[in-house]
N, C-alpha and C. Protein backbone atom coordinates (compact mmCIF):
# COMPACT_ATOMS: atom_id res chain seq x y z
N MET A 1 134.84 141.16 82.40
CA MET A 1 134.39 140.61 83.65
C MET A 1 133.16 139.73 83.44
N LYS A 2 132.20 140.21 82.61
CA LYS A 2 131.00 139.44 82.36
C LYS A 2 131.32 138.12 81.67
N LYS A 3 132.31 138.15 80.76
CA LYS A 3 132.68 136.96 80.03
C LYS A 3 133.27 135.90 80.97
N SER A 4 134.13 136.30 81.91
CA SER A 4 134.72 135.34 82.83
C SER A 4 133.67 134.76 83.79
N ALA A 5 132.68 135.55 84.18
CA ALA A 5 131.60 135.05 85.04
C ALA A 5 130.75 134.03 84.26
N LEU A 6 130.51 134.29 82.99
CA LEU A 6 129.75 133.37 82.15
C LEU A 6 130.51 132.06 81.97
N VAL A 7 131.80 132.14 81.73
CA VAL A 7 132.63 130.95 81.57
C VAL A 7 132.64 130.13 82.86
N ALA A 8 132.76 130.81 84.00
CA ALA A 8 132.75 130.12 85.29
C ALA A 8 131.41 129.43 85.53
N ALA A 9 130.32 130.10 85.19
CA ALA A 9 128.98 129.52 85.37
C ALA A 9 128.80 128.30 84.47
N LEU A 10 129.27 128.39 83.22
CA LEU A 10 129.17 127.26 82.30
C LEU A 10 130.03 126.09 82.77
N ALA A 11 131.21 126.37 83.29
CA ALA A 11 132.09 125.32 83.80
C ALA A 11 131.45 124.61 85.00
N LEU A 12 130.83 125.39 85.88
CA LEU A 12 130.15 124.81 87.03
C LEU A 12 128.99 123.94 86.58
N ALA A 13 128.19 124.41 85.65
CA ALA A 13 127.05 123.64 85.15
C ALA A 13 127.53 122.34 84.50
N ALA A 14 128.60 122.40 83.73
CA ALA A 14 129.13 121.20 83.07
C ALA A 14 129.65 120.20 84.09
N SER A 15 130.33 120.70 85.13
CA SER A 15 130.86 119.77 86.14
C SER A 15 129.72 119.11 86.91
N LEU A 16 128.65 119.83 87.17
CA LEU A 16 127.50 119.22 87.85
C LEU A 16 126.79 118.21 86.96
N ALA A 17 126.72 118.51 85.69
CA ALA A 17 126.03 117.60 84.76
C ALA A 17 126.76 116.27 84.64
N PHE A 18 128.09 116.28 84.75
CA PHE A 18 128.86 115.06 84.58
C PHE A 18 129.35 114.46 85.89
N ALA A 19 128.91 115.04 87.01
CA ALA A 19 129.31 114.51 88.31
C ALA A 19 128.58 113.19 88.56
N PRO A 20 129.20 112.25 89.28
CA PRO A 20 128.53 111.01 89.58
C PRO A 20 127.27 111.26 90.40
N THR A 21 126.25 110.47 90.13
CA THR A 21 124.99 110.60 90.84
C THR A 21 125.15 110.06 92.26
N ALA A 22 124.72 110.83 93.23
CA ALA A 22 124.80 110.39 94.62
C ALA A 22 123.56 109.58 94.96
N SER A 23 123.73 108.65 95.86
CA SER A 23 122.63 107.81 96.31
C SER A 23 122.48 107.98 97.81
N ALA A 24 121.25 107.89 98.30
CA ALA A 24 121.01 107.93 99.74
C ALA A 24 121.46 106.62 100.37
N ALA A 25 121.58 105.57 99.57
CA ALA A 25 121.93 104.25 100.09
C ALA A 25 123.40 104.17 100.46
N PRO A 26 123.71 103.67 101.66
CA PRO A 26 125.12 103.44 102.01
C PRO A 26 125.77 102.43 101.06
N ALA A 27 127.07 102.48 100.93
CA ALA A 27 127.81 101.63 99.99
C ALA A 27 127.65 100.13 100.27
N ASP A 28 127.32 99.77 101.51
CA ASP A 28 127.18 98.35 101.84
C ASP A 28 125.74 97.85 101.74
N THR A 29 124.87 98.61 101.06
CA THR A 29 123.48 98.21 100.88
C THR A 29 123.37 97.21 99.74
N PRO A 30 122.73 96.06 99.96
CA PRO A 30 122.53 95.11 98.87
C PRO A 30 121.59 95.70 97.81
N ALA A 31 121.79 95.31 96.57
CA ALA A 31 120.93 95.73 95.47
C ALA A 31 120.48 94.49 94.70
N LEU A 32 119.21 94.49 94.31
CA LEU A 32 118.66 93.36 93.55
C LEU A 32 117.99 93.85 92.29
N GLY A 33 118.17 93.11 91.20
CA GLY A 33 117.44 93.33 89.97
C GLY A 33 116.18 92.49 90.01
N CYS A 34 115.04 93.11 89.75
CA CYS A 34 113.74 92.44 89.85
C CYS A 34 113.02 92.47 88.50
N VAL A 35 112.21 91.46 88.26
CA VAL A 35 111.39 91.45 87.05
C VAL A 35 110.47 92.66 87.05
N GLN A 36 109.92 92.99 88.23
CA GLN A 36 109.07 94.18 88.34
C GLN A 36 109.22 94.76 89.75
N VAL A 37 109.35 96.08 89.82
CA VAL A 37 109.32 96.80 91.09
C VAL A 37 108.04 97.62 91.10
N ILE A 38 107.23 97.42 92.13
CA ILE A 38 105.92 98.04 92.20
C ILE A 38 105.94 99.13 93.27
N ASN A 39 105.58 100.33 92.87
CA ASN A 39 105.49 101.47 93.79
C ASN A 39 104.09 101.46 94.39
N LEU A 40 103.97 101.11 95.65
CA LEU A 40 102.67 101.02 96.30
C LEU A 40 102.11 102.39 96.67
N ASP A 41 102.91 103.45 96.51
CA ASP A 41 102.37 104.80 96.68
C ASP A 41 101.47 105.15 95.50
N LYS A 42 101.71 104.50 94.36
CA LYS A 42 100.90 104.67 93.14
C LYS A 42 100.68 103.29 92.54
N PRO A 43 99.91 102.42 93.21
CA PRO A 43 99.81 101.03 92.76
C PRO A 43 99.05 100.87 91.45
N PRO A 44 99.41 99.85 90.67
CA PRO A 44 98.64 99.55 89.47
C PRO A 44 97.21 99.16 89.85
N LEU A 45 96.28 99.40 88.95
CA LEU A 45 94.89 98.99 89.20
C LEU A 45 94.84 97.51 89.51
N GLY A 46 94.00 97.15 90.47
CA GLY A 46 93.83 95.76 90.82
C GLY A 46 94.79 95.25 91.87
N THR A 47 95.70 96.10 92.36
CA THR A 47 96.65 95.68 93.39
C THR A 47 95.92 95.57 94.72
N ASP A 48 96.03 94.43 95.36
CA ASP A 48 95.37 94.20 96.65
C ASP A 48 96.32 94.67 97.77
N ILE A 49 96.22 95.95 98.10
CA ILE A 49 97.10 96.56 99.09
C ILE A 49 96.94 95.89 100.45
N ASP A 50 95.70 95.57 100.83
CA ASP A 50 95.48 94.93 102.13
C ASP A 50 96.20 93.59 102.23
N ALA A 51 96.15 92.80 101.17
CA ALA A 51 96.83 91.50 101.18
C ALA A 51 98.35 91.69 101.27
N ILE A 52 98.88 92.66 100.55
CA ILE A 52 100.32 92.94 100.61
C ILE A 52 100.72 93.36 102.02
N ASN A 53 99.92 94.23 102.63
CA ASN A 53 100.21 94.67 104.00
C ASN A 53 100.18 93.50 104.99
N ARG A 54 99.21 92.59 104.83
CA ARG A 54 99.11 91.43 105.72
C ARG A 54 100.33 90.52 105.58
N VAL A 55 100.73 90.24 104.35
CA VAL A 55 101.88 89.36 104.11
C VAL A 55 103.15 90.00 104.67
N ALA A 56 103.35 91.28 104.37
CA ALA A 56 104.56 91.98 104.86
C ALA A 56 104.60 91.99 106.39
N ALA A 57 103.45 92.22 107.03
CA ALA A 57 103.40 92.22 108.50
C ALA A 57 103.69 90.83 109.05
N ALA A 58 103.13 89.80 108.39
CA ALA A 58 103.36 88.42 108.85
C ALA A 58 104.84 88.03 108.71
N LEU A 59 105.54 88.61 107.74
CA LEU A 59 106.96 88.34 107.56
C LEU A 59 107.83 89.17 108.49
N GLY A 60 107.20 90.12 109.22
CA GLY A 60 107.94 90.90 110.20
C GLY A 60 108.41 92.27 109.74
N LEU A 61 107.85 92.80 108.65
CA LEU A 61 108.27 94.13 108.19
C LEU A 61 107.77 95.19 109.16
N PRO A 62 108.68 95.98 109.73
CA PRO A 62 108.23 97.10 110.55
C PRO A 62 107.71 98.21 109.63
N GLY A 63 106.55 98.71 109.91
CA GLY A 63 105.99 99.75 109.07
C GLY A 63 105.18 99.17 107.92
N VAL A 64 104.67 100.06 107.12
CA VAL A 64 103.83 99.69 105.98
C VAL A 64 104.69 99.62 104.73
N PRO A 65 104.56 98.55 103.95
CA PRO A 65 105.38 98.48 102.72
C PRO A 65 104.93 99.54 101.72
N ASN A 66 105.91 100.15 101.06
CA ASN A 66 105.56 101.07 99.98
C ASN A 66 106.25 100.70 98.66
N ARG A 67 106.99 99.59 98.64
CA ARG A 67 107.52 99.02 97.39
C ARG A 67 107.50 97.51 97.51
N VAL A 68 107.28 96.84 96.37
CA VAL A 68 107.38 95.39 96.29
C VAL A 68 108.25 95.07 95.09
N GLY A 69 109.24 94.23 95.29
CA GLY A 69 110.05 93.72 94.20
C GLY A 69 109.60 92.30 93.90
N ALA A 70 109.11 92.08 92.69
CA ALA A 70 108.61 90.75 92.31
C ALA A 70 109.66 90.02 91.48
N VAL A 71 110.00 88.83 91.91
CA VAL A 71 110.99 87.97 91.27
C VAL A 71 112.32 88.73 91.14
N CYS A 72 113.09 88.70 92.22
CA CYS A 72 114.34 89.47 92.32
C CYS A 72 115.53 88.52 92.45
N PRO A 73 115.91 87.84 91.36
CA PRO A 73 116.97 86.84 91.45
C PRO A 73 118.38 87.36 91.26
N THR A 74 118.54 88.63 90.84
CA THR A 74 119.83 89.09 90.37
C THR A 74 120.49 90.08 91.32
N PRO A 75 121.51 89.65 92.10
CA PRO A 75 122.27 90.62 92.90
C PRO A 75 123.01 91.58 91.97
N GLN A 76 123.05 92.85 92.35
CA GLN A 76 123.71 93.87 91.55
C GLN A 76 124.64 94.70 92.43
N GLN A 77 125.53 95.45 91.78
CA GLN A 77 126.39 96.38 92.51
C GLN A 77 125.54 97.50 93.09
N THR A 78 125.93 97.97 94.28
CA THR A 78 125.24 99.11 94.87
C THR A 78 125.52 100.37 94.05
N ASP A 79 126.78 100.56 93.69
CA ASP A 79 127.19 101.70 92.87
C ASP A 79 128.42 101.29 92.06
N ALA A 80 128.94 102.21 91.28
CA ALA A 80 130.03 101.88 90.38
C ALA A 80 131.35 101.58 91.10
N GLU A 81 131.51 102.06 92.33
CA GLU A 81 132.77 101.89 93.04
C GLU A 81 132.82 100.64 93.92
N HIS A 82 131.70 99.99 94.15
CA HIS A 82 131.65 98.87 95.09
C HIS A 82 131.11 97.62 94.40
N GLY A 83 131.44 96.49 94.96
CA GLY A 83 130.99 95.22 94.41
C GLY A 83 129.58 94.86 94.86
N VAL A 84 129.24 93.61 94.64
CA VAL A 84 127.91 93.09 95.00
C VAL A 84 127.91 92.76 96.49
N VAL A 85 126.86 93.16 97.18
CA VAL A 85 126.65 92.84 98.59
C VAL A 85 125.49 91.85 98.65
N ASN A 86 125.68 90.70 99.28
CA ASN A 86 124.61 89.70 99.36
C ASN A 86 123.47 90.19 100.23
N TYR A 87 122.25 89.92 99.78
CA TYR A 87 121.04 90.29 100.51
C TYR A 87 120.70 89.20 101.51
N PRO A 88 120.64 89.52 102.81
CA PRO A 88 120.38 88.50 103.83
C PRO A 88 118.90 88.15 104.00
N GLY A 89 118.02 88.77 103.22
CA GLY A 89 116.59 88.48 103.31
C GLY A 89 115.81 89.50 104.10
N HIS A 90 116.50 90.50 104.66
CA HIS A 90 115.84 91.56 105.41
C HIS A 90 116.82 92.72 105.56
N GLY A 91 116.30 93.88 105.97
CA GLY A 91 117.15 95.04 106.17
C GLY A 91 117.13 95.99 104.98
N PRO A 92 118.01 96.99 104.98
CA PRO A 92 118.04 97.95 103.87
C PRO A 92 118.29 97.24 102.53
N ILE A 93 117.68 97.78 101.48
CA ILE A 93 117.78 97.14 100.15
C ILE A 93 117.59 98.20 99.06
N ILE A 94 118.22 97.95 97.93
CA ILE A 94 117.98 98.73 96.72
C ILE A 94 117.30 97.78 95.74
N LEU A 95 116.15 98.20 95.22
CA LEU A 95 115.42 97.41 94.23
C LEU A 95 115.48 98.14 92.89
N ARG A 96 115.83 97.38 91.84
CA ARG A 96 115.87 97.94 90.48
C ARG A 96 115.15 97.00 89.53
N ASN A 97 114.52 97.56 88.52
CA ASN A 97 114.03 96.71 87.44
C ASN A 97 115.23 96.16 86.71
N THR A 98 115.16 94.90 86.27
CA THR A 98 116.29 94.31 85.56
C THR A 98 116.53 95.09 84.27
N GLY A 99 117.74 95.01 83.78
CA GLY A 99 118.13 95.79 82.61
C GLY A 99 118.80 97.06 83.07
N SER A 100 118.81 98.06 82.24
CA SER A 100 119.48 99.31 82.57
C SER A 100 118.48 100.32 83.12
N ALA A 101 118.04 100.11 84.35
CA ALA A 101 117.06 100.99 84.98
C ALA A 101 117.70 102.34 85.31
N ARG A 102 117.04 103.42 84.93
CA ARG A 102 117.55 104.76 85.24
C ARG A 102 117.29 105.13 86.70
N LEU A 103 116.26 104.52 87.29
CA LEU A 103 115.90 104.82 88.67
C LEU A 103 116.00 103.56 89.52
N GLN A 104 116.11 103.76 90.82
CA GLN A 104 116.14 102.65 91.75
C GLN A 104 115.29 103.03 92.96
N GLU A 105 114.92 102.03 93.73
CA GLU A 105 114.16 102.25 94.95
C GLU A 105 115.05 101.88 96.13
N TYR A 106 115.39 102.85 96.96
CA TYR A 106 116.17 102.59 98.16
C TYR A 106 115.21 102.48 99.33
N CYS A 107 115.20 101.33 100.00
CA CYS A 107 114.31 101.07 101.13
C CYS A 107 115.14 100.92 102.39
N THR A 108 114.74 101.62 103.44
CA THR A 108 115.48 101.57 104.69
C THR A 108 115.25 100.26 105.43
N ASP A 109 114.18 99.52 105.08
CA ASP A 109 113.94 98.21 105.68
C ASP A 109 113.21 97.33 104.69
N SER A 110 113.37 96.03 104.85
CA SER A 110 112.70 95.09 103.96
C SER A 110 112.61 93.72 104.61
N VAL A 111 111.70 92.91 104.08
CA VAL A 111 111.61 91.49 104.38
C VAL A 111 111.35 90.80 103.05
N SER A 112 111.56 89.49 103.01
CA SER A 112 111.37 88.80 101.73
C SER A 112 110.82 87.41 101.94
N GLU A 113 110.30 86.87 100.87
CA GLU A 113 109.80 85.50 100.83
C GLU A 113 110.48 84.84 99.63
N PRO A 114 111.35 83.84 99.89
CA PRO A 114 112.16 83.29 98.80
C PRO A 114 111.41 82.46 97.76
N GLY A 115 110.34 81.80 98.14
CA GLY A 115 109.65 80.95 97.16
C GLY A 115 108.24 81.38 96.89
N ALA A 116 108.00 82.69 96.93
CA ALA A 116 106.64 83.20 96.82
C ALA A 116 106.09 82.99 95.41
N THR A 117 104.79 82.77 95.36
CA THR A 117 104.07 82.69 94.10
C THR A 117 103.00 83.76 94.15
N ALA A 118 103.00 84.68 93.19
CA ALA A 118 102.04 85.77 93.20
C ALA A 118 101.81 86.27 91.79
N PRO A 119 100.58 86.78 91.51
CA PRO A 119 100.34 87.38 90.20
C PRO A 119 100.93 88.79 90.14
N LEU A 120 101.46 89.15 88.98
CA LEU A 120 101.90 90.53 88.80
C LEU A 120 100.64 91.38 88.73
N PRO A 121 100.61 92.53 89.41
CA PRO A 121 99.40 93.37 89.43
C PRO A 121 98.93 93.73 88.04
N GLY A 122 97.64 93.61 87.83
CA GLY A 122 97.04 93.97 86.56
C GLY A 122 97.27 92.97 85.45
N THR A 123 97.79 91.78 85.76
CA THR A 123 98.05 90.77 84.73
C THR A 123 97.58 89.40 85.24
N ASP A 124 97.61 88.43 84.35
CA ASP A 124 97.34 87.05 84.72
C ASP A 124 98.65 86.26 84.87
N ILE A 125 99.78 86.95 84.87
CA ILE A 125 101.09 86.31 84.95
C ILE A 125 101.40 85.96 86.40
N ILE A 126 101.67 84.69 86.66
CA ILE A 126 102.03 84.24 88.00
C ILE A 126 103.55 84.21 88.10
N THR A 127 104.08 84.82 89.14
CA THR A 127 105.52 84.86 89.35
C THR A 127 105.91 83.87 90.43
N LYS A 128 107.11 83.33 90.33
CA LYS A 128 107.63 82.46 91.37
C LYS A 128 109.09 82.83 91.58
N GLY A 129 109.45 83.13 92.79
CA GLY A 129 110.81 83.53 93.11
C GLY A 129 110.83 84.46 94.29
N LEU A 130 111.97 85.09 94.52
CA LEU A 130 112.14 85.99 95.66
C LEU A 130 111.26 87.23 95.49
N VAL A 131 110.40 87.47 96.48
CA VAL A 131 109.59 88.68 96.51
C VAL A 131 110.04 89.49 97.72
N VAL A 132 110.32 90.78 97.50
CA VAL A 132 110.83 91.66 98.55
C VAL A 132 109.79 92.74 98.84
N PHE A 133 109.49 92.91 100.13
CA PHE A 133 108.58 93.95 100.58
C PHE A 133 109.43 95.01 101.28
N GLY A 134 109.38 96.26 100.79
CA GLY A 134 110.21 97.31 101.35
C GLY A 134 109.39 98.41 101.99
N SER A 135 109.94 98.99 103.07
CA SER A 135 109.30 100.15 103.70
C SER A 135 110.34 101.27 103.81
N GLY A 136 109.83 102.49 103.95
CA GLY A 136 110.74 103.64 104.00
C GLY A 136 111.46 103.85 102.68
N CYS A 137 110.80 103.52 101.58
CA CYS A 137 111.46 103.55 100.26
C CYS A 137 111.33 104.91 99.59
N VAL A 138 112.37 105.28 98.88
CA VAL A 138 112.38 106.49 98.07
C VAL A 138 112.94 106.15 96.69
N THR A 139 112.43 106.84 95.69
CA THR A 139 112.92 106.67 94.32
C THR A 139 114.09 107.64 94.13
N GLU A 140 115.17 107.13 93.55
CA GLU A 140 116.35 107.96 93.31
C GLU A 140 117.03 107.50 92.03
N PRO A 141 117.92 108.31 91.47
CA PRO A 141 118.65 107.89 90.27
C PRO A 141 119.53 106.68 90.56
N ASN A 142 119.63 105.81 89.59
CA ASN A 142 120.51 104.65 89.69
C ASN A 142 121.93 105.13 89.35
N PRO A 143 122.86 105.09 90.32
CA PRO A 143 124.20 105.64 90.04
C PRO A 143 124.98 104.81 89.02
N ILE A 144 124.57 103.59 88.75
CA ILE A 144 125.27 102.76 87.77
C ILE A 144 124.81 103.08 86.36
N ALA A 145 123.59 103.57 86.21
CA ALA A 145 123.03 103.84 84.88
C ALA A 145 123.49 105.17 84.31
N VAL A 146 124.33 105.91 85.04
CA VAL A 146 124.79 107.24 84.58
C VAL A 146 125.69 107.09 83.40
């Protein structure tokens, strides 16, 4: 009896380990690959939070931004089962660092500036391209990187 319970427990653990990662993001949520995704809950030194809040508010973001995607030119699949959803410039969004990011940022709302020029926090590097300001964001596993 003990052996069958152990086998069942191991089978359950194995099935959970290899199960697809669930995302809070609905399947029709656009996803973008960004040069850098900045978590404003833990901002890099030198990040001007007040300036970010002012820009996001001026662009119409409801709430306070807690993620910024800097230079986000690459539309990506939301998950492994669905194709690419075009980002309309506002609304729910998934932000990922370009490459094979293990984590993603799912934001329930966002606004963007298509031709923004801004320094990357803590660097002298000036970026030019789509900048996305997200609010209601949570960090979660990237279901494509599994």
